[in-house]
Amino acid sequence: MKILSKRSVIKNIALALCVVIGSMLVWNYSTVTATTQDTYESLESFSKVLNLVQENYVDEVDSQKAIEGAIKGMLATLDPHSSYMKPDDFKELQVETQGSFTGIGIEITMKDNILTVVSPIEGTPAFAKGIKAGDKIVKIGDEQTQDMSLMEAVKRLRGPKGSEVTISIYRKGWTDIKEITLIRDIIPIHSVKAKMLEPGYPYIHIANFQAQTTADFKKALANMEKEGKIKGLILDLRNNPGGLLDQAVKIADIFIDEGVIVSTKGRVKEQNTVFYAHANGGKYKFPLVVLVNEGSASASEIVAGALQDHKKAVIIGAQTFGKGSVQTIIPMDNGAGLRLTTARYYTPSGRSIQATGITPDIVVPSPTNTSVENDEKADEPEKKPKYLREKDLEHHISNGLNEDTTQKEEKPKTGEKPKVKGKTPTPATKEKVQPEDLSKDQQLNTALTLLKGLNIFGRK
């Protein structure tokens, strides 16, 4: 995600936004095309419809709301990630990337006009209550979520710390909708947590990519080094929905000495960018394992893809979400903001992440336990859950390389030999790890076992 200044917007992509409202059109009589003419005819039709509504509708019409609704409707036809943010919504987005907010702690999207969970944020009320990726939120309080906008849903889910919100969710395989009451809490922006699994084997989890992520990550890594030589590092990007592009690039740059980290390609020339690594003198020589799953999206996929292509890490876990598109945040003169998909991400080898995601080197399926607060019958056989991915979202854009984004993903067999190819966030904190954590987390257990094996092999 990128946030541009007004000057940059005017300079770089004003032409690409000319159809948002008539006043923003860039008109050149000497180069009028058939497409431009059609656009003006459509705008004229829109103006006529608005005028008819204002004059003849049974009740008085708020023109501003009607126009905002038209803009939202237009953007909804593009892709799931383009949206119009009213001034209050735009301010909330800025808070999310710099400070903290109060809510329940979930990443959400719209699928088939139903509010759907992409992933819960670890350590939040939603995570503690057992909300899972793919859960459909059919009601917030007493209000149905069908056709509710994402921003409206976010507003209803947020609220003062300590206040309650009840959501009704449906999960595939359930016969009934379940009501869950959550207590809103502060959702902190500090995105890095670190702990020592065993002597020499640190674990660092990045929950999302915020303004201070890289600084916190480096501090956590430095603290681990003080405890002794690092034999191998586990970087956990599971359920990381993404965030700021520059932070993802900087995290990958820590381990990559040269070459491309990620590139973006859009229809407008200025959106074609390449981000390169900087030499760090081979500072980190220890083996690296990156954990991913179905909730790893966008910026986290950039990091995993870059490290995989440069053969700097072994990727373990499940196929990632597949959000490989760039959203540019464009400030509007009225204080509102426009979130517009402007480019696609490509890994160093030229792979498109969009609608395909990252295939792990070693596939270890995510847990199949689908219960909420362990209220499911213990004697019922576990069913493999269907996780929501980018390619499942209506109007998702293609990956830019293949016409069919529903192509079969290349999935190595489980256990296959790896290819080896605002408030300022608080610093990373270390936590004690109980032995049972590993036994309950097969993906993490596999990562640690692999690092130990590589360490023994290296000594020999």
Protein backbone atom coordinates (compact mmCIF):
# COMPACT_ATOMS: atom_id res chain seq x y z
CA MET A 1 0.00 0.00 0.00
CA LYS A 2 1.31 3.43 -0.91
CA ILE A 3 0.18 6.87 0.27
CA LEU A 4 0.90 9.71 -2.13
CA SER A 5 1.05 13.44 -1.56
CA LYS A 6 -1.36 15.64 -3.43
CA ARG A 7 1.46 16.96 -5.60
CA SER A 8 2.55 13.44 -6.56
CA VAL A 9 -1.01 12.49 -7.37
CA ILE A 10 -1.49 15.43 -9.71
CA LYS A 11 1.84 14.78 -11.38
CA ASN A 12 1.74 11.03 -11.73
CA ILE A 13 -1.75 9.61 -12.01
CA ALA A 14 -4.33 12.36 -12.49
CA LEU A 15 -5.05 11.06 -15.99
CA ALA A 16 -5.86 7.61 -14.64
CA LEU A 17 -8.54 9.06 -12.37
CA CYS A 18 -10.33 11.26 -14.85
CA VAL A 19 -13.56 9.27 -14.73
CA VAL A 20 -14.11 9.58 -10.96
CA ILE A 21 -16.00 12.86 -11.22
CA GLY A 22 -16.55 15.19 -14.11
CA SER A 23 -14.57 18.03 -12.59
CA MET A 24 -11.40 15.90 -12.65
CA LEU A 25 -11.47 15.18 -16.36
CA VAL A 26 -8.41 16.09 -18.37
CA TRP A 27 -9.67 17.28 -21.75
CA ASN A 28 -7.67 17.73 -24.94
CA TYR A 29 -9.75 18.64 -27.98
CA SER A 30 -6.99 17.67 -30.40
CA THR A 31 -6.82 14.07 -29.15
CA VAL A 32 -10.44 13.18 -28.48
CA THR A 33 -10.89 9.41 -28.84
CA ALA A 34 -14.00 7.29 -29.17
CA THR A 35 -13.46 6.05 -25.62
CA THR A 36 -13.31 9.59 -24.25
CA GLN A 37 -16.45 10.50 -26.17
CA ASP A 38 -18.25 7.47 -24.73
CA THR A 39 -17.15 8.51 -21.25
CA TYR A 40 -18.64 11.97 -21.68
CA GLU A 41 -21.88 10.55 -23.02
CA SER A 42 -22.07 8.25 -19.98
CA LEU A 43 -21.40 11.18 -17.64
CA GLU A 44 -24.13 13.10 -19.36
CA SER A 45 -26.52 10.18 -18.79
CA PHE A 46 -25.49 10.06 -15.15
CA SER A 47 -26.16 13.79 -14.79
CA LYS A 48 -29.62 13.37 -16.31
CA VAL A 49 -30.45 10.45 -14.00
CA LEU A 50 -29.31 12.41 -10.95
CA ASN A 51 -31.41 15.38 -12.02
CA LEU A 52 -34.48 13.17 -12.53
CA VAL A 53 -34.00 11.59 -9.12
CA GLN A 54 -33.64 14.98 -7.44
CA GLU A 55 -36.78 16.31 -9.11
CA ASN A 56 -39.07 13.28 -8.97
CA TYR A 57 -38.09 10.96 -6.13
CA VAL A 58 -40.77 10.58 -3.46
CA ASP A 59 -38.53 12.10 -0.78
CA GLU A 60 -35.92 14.84 -0.92
CA VAL A 61 -32.57 13.43 -2.04
CA ASP A 62 -29.20 14.29 -0.49
CA SER A 63 -27.12 14.94 -3.62
CA GLN A 64 -23.81 14.39 -1.84
CA LYS A 65 -24.86 10.96 -0.58
CA ALA A 66 -26.19 10.04 -4.01
CA ILE A 67 -22.92 10.98 -5.71
CA GLU A 68 -20.86 9.18 -3.07
CA GLY A 69 -23.02 6.11 -3.64
CA ALA A 70 -22.39 6.33 -7.38
CA ILE A 71 -18.63 6.59 -6.85
CA LYS A 72 -18.65 3.59 -4.50
CA GLY A 73 -20.70 1.62 -6.99
CA MET A 74 -18.26 2.42 -9.79
CA LEU A 75 -15.26 1.36 -7.73
CA ALA A 76 -17.03 -1.85 -6.66
CA THR A 77 -17.09 -2.93 -10.32
CA LEU A 78 -13.28 -2.73 -10.50
CA ASP A 79 -11.88 -5.09 -7.85
CA PRO A 80 -12.38 -5.92 -4.16
CA HIS A 81 -9.64 -3.57 -2.94
CA SER A 82 -10.54 -0.29 -4.65
CA SER A 83 -12.79 1.93 -2.55
CA TYR A 84 -13.83 5.48 -1.73
CA MET A 85 -13.13 6.67 1.80
CA LYS A 86 -15.05 9.53 3.28
CA PRO A 87 -12.97 12.01 5.32
CA ASP A 88 -13.55 10.13 8.60
CA ASP A 89 -12.67 6.81 6.97
CA PHE A 90 -9.50 8.28 5.47
CA LYS A 91 -8.41 9.56 8.88
CA GLU A 92 -8.95 6.10 10.37
CA LEU A 93 -6.71 4.55 7.72
CA GLN A 94 -3.94 6.99 8.59
CA VAL A 95 -4.33 6.09 12.27
CA GLU A 96 -4.00 2.37 11.48
CA THR A 97 -0.60 2.83 9.86
CA GLN A 98 0.81 5.10 12.55
CA GLY A 99 -0.94 4.60 15.89
CA SER A 100 -3.49 2.27 17.45
CA PHE A 101 -7.25 1.82 17.48
CA THR A 102 -9.88 0.02 19.50
CA GLY A 103 -11.82 -2.85 18.01
CA ILE A 104 -11.95 -6.66 17.89
CA GLY A 105 -8.89 -7.31 15.70
CA ILE A 106 -9.79 -8.87 12.36
CA GLU A 107 -8.89 -8.31 8.71
CA ILE A 108 -12.10 -8.41 6.64
CA THR A 109 -13.23 -8.32 3.03
CA MET A 110 -16.47 -8.65 1.07
CA LYS A 111 -17.19 -11.96 -0.67
CA ASP A 112 -20.50 -12.47 -2.46
CA ASN A 113 -21.75 -9.34 -0.68
CA ILE A 114 -21.11 -11.00 2.70
CA LEU A 115 -18.61 -9.68 5.21
CA THR A 116 -15.88 -12.33 5.40
CA VAL A 117 -12.89 -12.73 7.69
CA VAL A 118 -9.50 -12.84 5.94
CA SER A 119 -7.61 -13.44 9.17
CA PRO A 120 -7.77 -12.58 12.87
CA ILE A 121 -4.92 -10.54 14.35
CA GLU A 122 -2.99 -12.51 16.92
CA GLY A 123 -3.45 -11.40 20.51
CA THR A 124 -6.75 -9.60 19.90
CA PRO A 125 -10.30 -10.32 21.17
CA ALA A 126 -11.26 -11.96 17.86
CA PHE A 127 -8.23 -14.26 17.98
CA ALA A 128 -8.96 -15.21 21.60
CA LYS A 129 -12.57 -16.06 20.76
CA GLY A 130 -11.52 -18.41 17.96
CA ILE A 131 -12.63 -16.38 14.94
CA LYS A 132 -11.15 -18.06 11.84
CA ALA A 133 -10.23 -17.06 8.29
CA GLY A 134 -13.23 -17.65 6.03
CA ASP A 135 -15.86 -17.05 8.71
CA LYS A 136 -18.83 -15.11 7.35
CA ILE A 137 -20.09 -12.29 9.56
CA VAL A 138 -23.77 -12.20 8.69
CA LYS A 139 -24.80 -9.71 11.39
CA ILE A 140 -23.17 -7.03 13.52
CA GLY A 141 -25.48 -6.48 16.43
CA ASP A 142 -28.96 -6.60 14.94
CA GLU A 143 -27.95 -5.38 11.50
CA GLN A 144 -27.41 -7.64 8.50
CA THR A 145 -24.04 -7.20 6.78
CA GLN A 146 -25.21 -8.11 3.30
CA ASP A 147 -24.44 -5.17 1.00
CA MET A 148 -22.84 -3.29 3.92
CA SER A 149 -19.69 -1.46 2.84
CA LEU A 150 -16.34 -2.45 4.33
CA MET A 151 -15.88 0.96 5.88
CA GLU A 152 -19.32 0.86 7.45
CA ALA A 153 -18.58 -2.59 8.86
CA VAL A 154 -15.26 -1.38 10.28
CA LYS A 155 -17.02 1.52 12.00
CA ARG A 156 -19.55 -0.82 13.61
CA LEU A 157 -16.90 -3.26 14.78
CA ARG A 158 -14.80 -0.52 16.37
CA GLY A 159 -15.75 1.36 19.47
CA PRO A 160 -14.59 2.40 22.95
CA LYS A 161 -12.32 0.04 24.86
CA GLY A 162 -14.32 -2.27 27.12
CA SER A 163 -17.54 -1.95 25.12
CA GLU A 164 -19.28 -5.04 23.75
CA VAL A 165 -20.15 -5.97 20.20
CA THR A 166 -22.01 -9.11 19.19
CA ILE A 167 -21.43 -10.66 15.79
CA SER A 168 -23.26 -13.55 14.17
CA ILE A 169 -21.00 -15.81 12.16
CA TYR A 170 -21.46 -18.77 9.87
CA ARG A 171 -18.75 -21.30 9.15
CA LYS A 172 -18.88 -23.97 6.47
CA GLY A 173 -19.96 -27.25 8.02
CA TRP A 174 -22.10 -25.62 10.69
CA THR A 175 -25.85 -26.10 10.74
CA ASP A 176 -26.56 -22.92 12.68
CA ILE A 177 -25.32 -19.36 12.86
CA LYS A 178 -23.47 -18.64 16.10
CA GLU A 179 -23.55 -15.40 18.07
CA ILE A 180 -20.27 -14.32 19.64
CA THR A 181 -19.93 -11.37 21.98
CA LEU A 182 -16.54 -9.69 22.05
CA ILE A 183 -15.13 -6.99 24.32
CA ARG A 184 -13.41 -4.30 22.30
CA ASP A 185 -9.82 -3.60 23.23
CA ILE A 186 -6.88 -1.54 22.03
CA ILE A 187 -5.46 -3.11 18.89
CA PRO A 188 -1.78 -2.15 19.16
CA ILE A 189 0.25 -1.25 16.15
CA HIS A 190 3.46 -2.86 17.38
CA SER A 191 3.72 -5.66 14.87
CA VAL A 192 6.83 -7.55 15.98
CA LYS A 193 7.01 -10.17 18.71
CA ALA A 194 10.12 -12.22 19.44
CA LYS A 195 10.97 -15.18 21.62
CA MET A 196 13.69 -17.82 21.93
CA LEU A 197 12.38 -21.29 21.12
CA GLU A 198 15.58 -22.99 22.21
CA PRO A 199 19.12 -21.72 22.72
CA GLY A 200 20.34 -20.50 19.34
CA TYR A 201 16.93 -20.69 17.65
CA PRO A 202 14.99 -17.40 17.86
CA TYR A 203 11.47 -16.90 16.54
CA ILE A 204 10.18 -13.54 15.29
CA HIS A 205 6.57 -12.98 14.31
CA ILE A 206 5.48 -10.01 12.19
CA ALA A 207 1.72 -9.53 12.53
CA ASN A 208 1.50 -6.75 9.89
CA PHE A 209 3.73 -4.15 8.27
CA GLN A 210 3.45 -0.79 10.00
CA ALA A 211 5.62 2.32 10.15
CA GLN A 212 7.99 0.95 12.82
CA THR A 213 8.09 -2.71 11.77
CA THR A 214 11.64 -2.73 10.40
CA ALA A 215 13.08 -0.82 13.35
CA ASP A 216 11.35 -3.16 15.81
CA PHE A 217 12.47 -6.22 13.87
CA LYS A 218 16.12 -5.14 13.88
CA LYS A 219 15.95 -4.41 17.59
CA ALA A 220 14.45 -7.83 18.32
CA LEU A 221 17.12 -9.55 16.21
CA ALA A 222 19.90 -7.60 17.94
CA ASN A 223 18.56 -8.63 21.36
CA MET A 224 18.55 -12.27 20.27
CA GLU A 225 22.16 -12.02 19.14
CA LYS A 226 23.16 -10.79 22.57
CA GLU A 227 21.96 -14.09 24.06
CA GLY A 228 24.39 -16.10 21.96
CA LYS A 229 25.16 -17.24 18.45
CA ILE A 230 22.09 -17.65 16.27
CA LYS A 231 21.99 -21.12 14.70
CA GLY A 232 18.83 -20.49 12.71
CA LEU A 233 15.93 -18.01 12.62
CA ILE A 234 12.21 -18.60 12.12
CA LEU A 235 10.33 -15.63 10.61
CA ASP A 236 6.58 -16.11 11.07
CA LEU A 237 4.37 -14.30 8.53
CA ARG A 238 1.27 -16.41 9.11
CA ASN A 239 -2.01 -14.47 9.21
CA ASN A 240 -0.10 -11.33 8.24
CA PRO A 241 -2.52 -9.40 5.98
CA GLY A 242 0.14 -6.99 4.68
CA GLY A 243 0.52 -3.26 5.18
CA LEU A 244 3.11 -0.75 4.06
CA LEU A 245 5.12 -1.70 0.97
CA ASP A 246 8.30 0.07 2.02
CA GLN A 247 8.44 -1.89 5.28
CA ALA A 248 8.11 -5.21 3.47
CA VAL A 249 10.96 -4.23 1.14
CA LYS A 250 13.17 -3.22 4.08
CA ILE A 251 12.55 -6.50 5.93
CA ALA A 252 13.52 -8.53 2.84
CA ASP A 253 16.53 -6.25 2.31
CA ILE A 254 17.94 -7.31 5.70
CA PHE A 255 18.66 -10.78 4.29
CA ILE A 256 19.21 -10.07 0.57
CA ASP A 257 22.53 -8.54 -0.52
CA GLU A 258 21.80 -7.67 -4.15
CA GLY A 259 19.26 -7.83 -6.93
CA VAL A 260 15.54 -7.16 -7.17
CA ILE A 261 13.30 -7.53 -4.13
CA VAL A 262 10.00 -6.78 -5.84
CA SER A 263 8.73 -4.92 -8.88
CA THR A 264 5.38 -3.32 -9.64
CA LYS A 265 3.77 -2.93 -13.05
CA GLY A 266 0.71 -0.85 -13.84
CA ARG A 267 -1.03 0.74 -16.79
CA VAL A 268 0.42 4.16 -15.96
CA LYS A 269 4.17 4.38 -16.57
CA GLU A 270 4.86 5.99 -13.21
CA GLN A 271 3.49 2.90 -11.45
CA ASN A 272 6.25 0.72 -12.91
CA THR A 273 8.86 0.54 -10.17
CA VAL A 274 11.65 -1.81 -9.12
CA PHE A 275 12.95 -2.11 -5.57
CA TYR A 276 16.53 -3.32 -5.18
CA ALA A 277 18.43 -4.82 -2.27
CA HIS A 278 21.42 -3.14 -0.65
CA ALA A 279 24.63 -4.94 0.27
CA ASN A 280 24.97 -5.64 3.98
CA GLY A 281 28.24 -7.53 3.82
CA GLY A 282 26.61 -10.90 4.35
CA LYS A 283 25.93 -10.00 7.96
CA TYR A 284 23.48 -12.81 8.60
CA LYS A 285 24.91 -16.23 7.75
CA PHE A 286 22.46 -18.38 9.71
CA PRO A 287 19.71 -20.43 8.00
CA LEU A 288 16.30 -18.78 7.71
CA VAL A 289 12.84 -20.38 7.60
CA VAL A 290 9.72 -18.36 6.78
CA LEU A 291 6.29 -19.56 7.89
CA VAL A 292 3.24 -18.67 5.77
CA ASN A 293 -0.38 -19.75 5.56
CA GLU A 294 -3.70 -18.89 3.94
CA GLY A 295 -3.84 -15.60 5.87
CA SER A 296 -0.46 -14.38 4.59
CA ALA A 297 -1.23 -11.68 2.06
CA SER A 298 0.18 -8.75 0.11
CA ALA A 299 3.32 -7.39 1.82
CA SER A 300 3.97 -10.68 3.61
CA GLU A 301 3.84 -12.47 0.25
CA ILE A 302 6.36 -9.98 -1.12
CA VAL A 303 8.83 -10.87 1.65
CA ALA A 304 8.29 -14.61 1.27
CA GLY A 305 8.55 -14.46 -2.53
CA ALA A 306 11.74 -12.39 -2.50
CA LEU A 307 13.50 -14.63 0.03
CA GLN A 308 12.36 -17.72 -1.86
CA ASP A 309 13.56 -16.48 -5.26
CA HIS A 310 16.92 -15.40 -3.87
CA LYS A 311 17.32 -18.76 -2.08
CA LYS A 312 17.74 -16.98 1.22
CA ALA A 313 15.05 -18.93 3.06
CA VAL A 314 13.01 -22.10 3.05
CA ILE A 315 9.27 -21.33 2.97
CA ILE A 316 7.14 -23.66 5.10
CA GLY A 317 3.38 -23.76 5.57
CA ALA A 318 0.32 -23.46 3.33
CA GLN A 319 -0.43 -21.68 0.05
CA THR A 320 -0.75 -17.94 0.70
CA PHE A 321 -3.75 -15.68 0.08
CA GLY A 322 -2.66 -14.30 -3.29
CA LYS A 323 -3.16 -10.55 -2.96
CA GLY A 324 -0.58 -9.28 -5.41
CA SER A 325 -1.98 -5.87 -6.24
CA VAL A 326 -0.83 -2.38 -5.24
CA GLN A 327 -3.35 0.04 -3.74
CA THR A 328 -2.41 3.71 -3.99
CA ILE A 329 -4.07 5.98 -1.44
CA ILE A 330 -4.97 9.26 -3.12
CA PRO A 331 -6.00 12.26 -0.99
CA MET A 332 -9.01 14.19 -2.29
CA ASP A 333 -9.55 17.93 -1.91
CA ASN A 334 -12.55 17.41 0.40
CA GLY A 335 -10.52 15.39 2.90
CA ALA A 336 -11.69 12.07 1.53
CA GLY A 337 -9.38 9.44 0.08
CA LEU A 338 -9.43 7.13 -2.90
CA ARG A 339 -7.96 3.66 -2.54
CA LEU A 340 -7.25 2.59 -6.10
CA THR A 341 -5.58 -0.55 -7.40
CA THR A 342 -2.81 0.78 -9.63
CA ALA A 343 -0.33 -2.05 -10.21
CA ARG A 344 0.58 -5.69 -9.64
CA TYR A 345 3.46 -7.11 -7.60
CA TYR A 346 6.06 -9.40 -9.16
CA THR A 347 8.69 -11.43 -7.34
CA PRO A 348 12.37 -11.16 -8.37
CA SER A 349 11.95 -14.06 -10.83
CA GLY A 350 8.95 -12.35 -12.44
CA ARG A 351 6.22 -14.39 -10.78
CA SER A 352 2.90 -12.65 -10.25
CA ILE A 353 1.55 -13.05 -6.72
CA GLN A 354 -1.93 -11.93 -7.75
CA ALA A 355 -4.62 -14.62 -7.40
CA THR A 356 -1.96 -17.34 -7.12
CA GLY A 357 0.03 -16.58 -3.99
CA ILE A 358 3.28 -18.17 -2.84
CA THR A 359 3.66 -21.95 -2.87
CA PRO A 360 5.76 -23.09 0.10
CA ASP A 361 8.89 -25.15 -0.48
CA ILE A 362 7.60 -27.55 2.16
CA VAL A 363 3.83 -27.77 2.50
CA VAL A 364 2.58 -28.32 6.03
CA PRO A 365 -1.23 -27.98 6.17
CA SER A 366 -2.77 -25.48 8.55
CA PRO A 367 -4.67 -26.87 11.55
CA THR A 368 -8.08 -28.26 10.68
CA ASN A 369 -9.67 -27.47 14.04
CA THR A 370 -12.64 -25.25 13.14
CA SER A 371 -14.25 -24.84 16.55
CA VAL A 372 -15.07 -21.53 18.21
CA GLU A 373 -14.23 -21.55 21.92
CA ASN A 374 -14.09 -25.37 21.66
CA ASP A 375 -17.87 -25.59 21.52
CA GLU A 376 -18.02 -28.14 18.72
CA LYS A 377 -18.67 -31.79 19.47
CA ALA A 378 -15.44 -33.58 20.23
CA ASP A 379 -16.58 -36.82 18.61
CA GLU A 380 -17.26 -35.22 15.22
CA PRO A 381 -14.56 -35.91 12.60
CA GLU A 382 -12.50 -32.87 11.63
CA LYS A 383 -13.16 -31.55 8.16
CA LYS A 384 -10.57 -29.86 6.02
CA PRO A 385 -11.60 -26.19 5.93
CA LYS A 386 -11.87 -24.21 2.73
CA TYR A 387 -9.81 -21.08 3.21
CA LEU A 388 -10.74 -17.83 1.53
CA ARG A 389 -8.22 -16.61 -1.04
CA GLU A 390 -7.93 -13.70 -3.44
CA LYS A 391 -9.09 -15.80 -6.39
CA ASP A 392 -12.37 -16.47 -4.55
CA LEU A 393 -13.26 -12.76 -4.37
CA GLU A 394 -15.68 -11.35 -6.90
CA HIS A 395 -14.11 -9.02 -9.50
CA HIS A 396 -10.55 -9.91 -8.50
CA ILE A 397 -8.08 -8.84 -11.17
CA SER A 398 -6.09 -11.39 -13.16
CA ASN A 399 -2.46 -12.09 -12.38
CA GLY A 400 -1.24 -10.33 -15.52
CA LEU A 401 0.56 -13.42 -16.80
CA ASN A 402 -2.17 -15.98 -17.43
CA GLU A 403 -5.74 -15.53 -18.55
CA ASP A 404 -6.96 -18.19 -16.12
CA THR A 405 -6.24 -17.22 -12.52
CA THR A 406 -7.91 -20.38 -11.28
CA GLN A 407 -5.06 -22.47 -12.64
CA LYS A 408 -3.92 -25.39 -10.56
CA GLU A 409 -1.25 -24.36 -8.14
CA GLU A 410 1.98 -26.31 -8.08
CA LYS A 411 1.97 -27.88 -4.64
CA PRO A 412 4.87 -30.02 -3.54
CA LYS A 413 3.97 -33.01 -1.44
CA THR A 414 4.04 -32.62 2.29
CA GLY A 415 7.56 -33.28 3.50
CA GLU A 416 9.09 -32.86 0.01
CA LYS A 417 12.74 -31.85 -0.01
CA PRO A 418 12.94 -28.03 -0.08
CA LYS A 419 13.95 -26.33 -3.29
CA VAL A 420 16.15 -23.94 -1.31
CA LYS A 421 16.18 -21.76 -4.39
CA GLY A 422 -0.52 8.76 16.04
CA LYS A 423 1.35 6.69 18.77
CA THR A 424 4.70 5.25 18.11
CA PRO A 425 4.56 1.46 18.30
CA THR A 426 6.22 -0.08 21.32
CA PRO A 427 9.44 -2.07 20.77
CA ALA A 428 9.32 -5.81 20.23
CA THR A 429 8.84 -7.83 23.37
CA LYS A 430 10.16 -11.27 24.21
CA GLU A 431 7.92 -13.94 25.65
CA LYS A 432 8.60 -17.23 27.38
CA VAL A 433 7.61 -20.24 25.32
CA GLN A 434 6.00 -23.24 26.90
CA PRO A 435 7.07 -26.66 25.57
CA GLU A 436 3.51 -27.51 24.54
CA ASP A 437 3.49 -24.65 22.02
CA LEU A 438 5.59 -26.67 19.59
CA SER A 439 3.52 -29.83 19.94
CA LYS A 440 0.38 -27.87 19.03
CA ASP A 441 1.93 -26.07 16.04
CA GLN A 442 3.04 -28.53 13.39
CA GLN A 443 4.23 -25.80 11.01
CA LEU A 444 6.44 -24.24 13.67
CA ASN A 445 7.65 -27.65 14.82
CA THR A 446 8.63 -28.55 11.26
CA ALA A 447 10.54 -25.28 10.90
CA LEU A 448 12.53 -25.83 14.08
CA THR A 449 13.29 -29.45 13.15
CA LEU A 450 14.55 -28.36 9.73
CA LEU A 451 16.81 -25.68 11.23
CA LYS A 452 18.30 -28.19 13.66
CA GLY A 453 18.94 -30.59 10.79
CA LEU A 454 20.60 -27.91 8.70
CA ASN A 455 22.77 -26.95 11.66
CA ILE A 456 23.93 -30.52 12.22
CA PHE A 457 24.53 -31.04 8.53
CA GLY A 458 26.55 -27.80 8.39
CA ARG A 459 28.82 -28.93 11.22
CA LYS A 460 29.54 -32.18 9.45
